[in-house]
C-alpha atoms as a PDB file:
ATOM      1  CA  MET A   1      21.870 -19.387   4.451  1.00  0.00           C
ATOM      2  CA  LEU A   2      19.175 -17.951   2.178  1.00  0.00           C
ATOM      3  CA  LEU A   3      17.814 -15.765   4.964  1.00  0.00           C
ATOM      4  CA  ASP A   4      21.313 -14.542   5.812  1.00  0.00           C
ATOM      5  CA  LEU A   5      21.995 -13.607   2.189  1.00  0.00           C
ATOM      6  CA  SER A   6      18.595 -11.918   1.904  1.00  0.00           C
ATOM      7  CA  ARG A   7      19.288  -9.827   4.989  1.00  0.00           C
ATOM      8  CA  GLU A   8      22.732  -8.904   3.677  1.00  0.00           C
ATOM      9  CA  ALA A   9      21.272  -7.849   0.316  1.00  0.00           C
ATOM     10  CA  GLN A  10      18.547  -5.842   2.055  1.00  0.00           C
ATOM     11  CA  GLU A  11      21.169  -4.101   4.191  1.00  0.00           C
ATOM     12  CA  ARG A  12      23.264  -3.192   1.140  1.00  0.00           C
ATOM     13  CA  ILE A  13      20.281  -1.869  -0.800  1.00  0.00           C
ATOM     14  CA  ARG A  14      19.093   0.165   2.181  1.00  0.00           C
ATOM     15  CA  LYS A  15      22.597   1.618   2.671  1.00  0.00           C
ATOM     16  CA  ASP A  16      22.892   2.530  -1.003  1.00  0.00           C
ATOM     17  CA  THR A  17      19.428   4.043  -1.329  1.00  0.00           C
ATOM     18  CA  GLU A  18      19.480   5.940   1.966  1.00  0.00           C
ATOM     19  CA  SER A  19      22.982   7.341   1.475  1.00  0.00           C
ATOM     20  CA  VAL A  20      21.901   9.770  -1.241  1.00  0.00           C
ATOM     21  CA  ASP A  21      20.194  13.087  -0.718  1.00  0.00           C
ATOM     22  CA  ASN A  22      19.574  14.271  -4.267  1.00  0.00           C
ATOM     23  CA  LEU A  23      18.720  12.922  -7.704  1.00  0.00           C
ATOM     24  CA  ALA A  24      22.179  13.464  -9.223  1.00  0.00           C
ATOM     25  CA  LYS A  25      23.892  11.592  -6.401  1.00  0.00           C
ATOM     26  CA  ALA A  26      21.335   8.804  -6.609  1.00  0.00           C
ATOM     27  CA  LYS A  27      21.980   8.380 -10.318  1.00  0.00           C
ATOM     28  CA  GLU A  28      25.755   8.455  -9.790  1.00  0.00           C
ATOM     29  CA  LEU A  29      25.691   5.758  -7.116  1.00  0.00           C
ATOM     30  CA  LEU A  30      22.794   3.541  -8.113  1.00  0.00           C
ATOM     31  CA  GLU A  31      22.644   3.418 -11.910  1.00  0.00           C
ATOM     32  CA  PRO A  32      26.048   1.674 -12.220  1.00  0.00           C
ATOM     33  CA  LYS A  33      24.556  -1.039  -9.995  1.00  0.00           C
ATOM     34  CA  GLY A  34      21.712  -1.578 -12.447  1.00  0.00           C
ATOM     35  CA  MET A  35      19.024   0.451 -10.696  1.00  0.00           C
ATOM     36  CA  VAL A  36      16.763   2.845 -12.554  1.00  0.00           C
ATOM     37  CA  VAL A  37      16.531   6.212 -10.794  1.00  0.00           C
ATOM     38  CA  ASN A  38      13.504   8.366 -11.597  1.00  0.00           C
ATOM     39  CA  ASP A  39      12.730  11.908 -10.615  1.00  0.00           C
ATOM     40  CA  ALA A  40       9.651  11.879  -8.409  1.00  0.00           C
ATOM     41  CA  ASN A  41       6.656  14.014  -9.309  1.00  0.00           C
ATOM     42  CA  VAL A  42       5.728  14.727  -5.692  1.00  0.00           C
ATOM     43  CA  PRO A  43       2.715  16.982  -6.401  1.00  0.00           C
ATOM     44  CA  ALA A  44       1.149  14.312  -8.645  1.00  0.00           C
ATOM     45  CA  PHE A  45       1.873  11.599  -6.070  1.00  0.00           C
ATOM     46  CA  ARG A  46       0.371  13.744  -3.286  1.00  0.00           C
ATOM     47  CA  LYS A  47      -2.779  14.352  -5.383  1.00  0.00           C
ATOM     48  CA  VAL A  48      -3.302  10.618  -5.979  1.00  0.00           C
ATOM     49  CA  ALA A  49      -2.710   9.912  -2.286  1.00  0.00           C
ATOM     50  CA  GLN A  50      -5.201  12.582  -1.247  1.00  0.00           C
ATOM     51  CA  ASP A  51      -7.834  11.304  -3.669  1.00  0.00           C
ATOM     52  CA  LYS A  52      -7.376   7.562  -3.199  1.00  0.00           C
ATOM     53  CA  ILE A  53      -5.733   6.881   0.174  1.00  0.00           C
ATOM     54  CA  TRP A  54      -6.629   9.726   2.496  1.00  0.00           C
ATOM     55  CA  PRO A  55     -10.377   8.996   2.642  1.00  0.00           C
ATOM     56  CA  GLY A  56      -9.692   5.567   4.149  1.00  0.00           C
ATOM     57  CA  TYR A  57      -7.308   6.985   6.723  1.00  0.00           C
ATOM     58  CA  GLN A  58      -9.760   9.769   7.550  1.00  0.00           C
ATOM     59  CA  LYS A  59     -12.381   7.137   8.378  1.00  0.00           C
ATOM     60  CA  GLN A  60      -9.898   5.019  10.313  1.00  0.00           C
ATOM     61  CA  PHE A  61      -8.428   7.895  12.362  1.00  0.00           C
ATOM     62  CA  PRO A  62     -11.119  10.593  12.606  1.00  0.00           C
ATOM     63  CA  GLU A  63      -9.918  11.888  15.988  1.00  0.00           C
ATOM     64  CA  LEU A  64      -6.369  12.416  14.659  1.00  0.00           C
ATOM     65  CA  TRP A  65      -7.221  13.529  11.141  1.00  0.00           C
ATOM     66  CA  GLU A  66      -6.580  17.269  11.540  1.00  0.00           C
ATOM     67  CA  GLU A  67      -3.188  16.574  13.093  1.00  0.00           C
ATOM     68  CA  ILE A  68      -2.294  14.092  10.325  1.00  0.00           C
ATOM     69  CA  VAL A  69      -3.194  16.551   7.552  1.00  0.00           C
ATOM     70  CA  LYS A  70      -1.041  19.287   9.109  1.00  0.00           C
ATOM     71  CA  THR A  71       2.031  17.014   9.093  1.00  0.00           C
ATOM     72  CA  GLU A  72       4.589  18.036   6.475  1.00  0.00           C
ATOM     73  CA  ALA A  73       6.912  15.484   4.876  1.00  0.00           C
END
């Protein structure tokens, strides 16, 4: 029963979070449900990822690194 309820909750959260495509819509749909919606600072996040995470991936996937870096999100 606990697993079933967990899966149901996960499904509802995924539906609610993936059904929005902008910050205003996210706030409208999610804040009444008790969620805190923050505006992402993507450039700052990307900088931290490049400084802290990318070096490990570069070592792990050297043959694919150039292709990975060219990938746009």
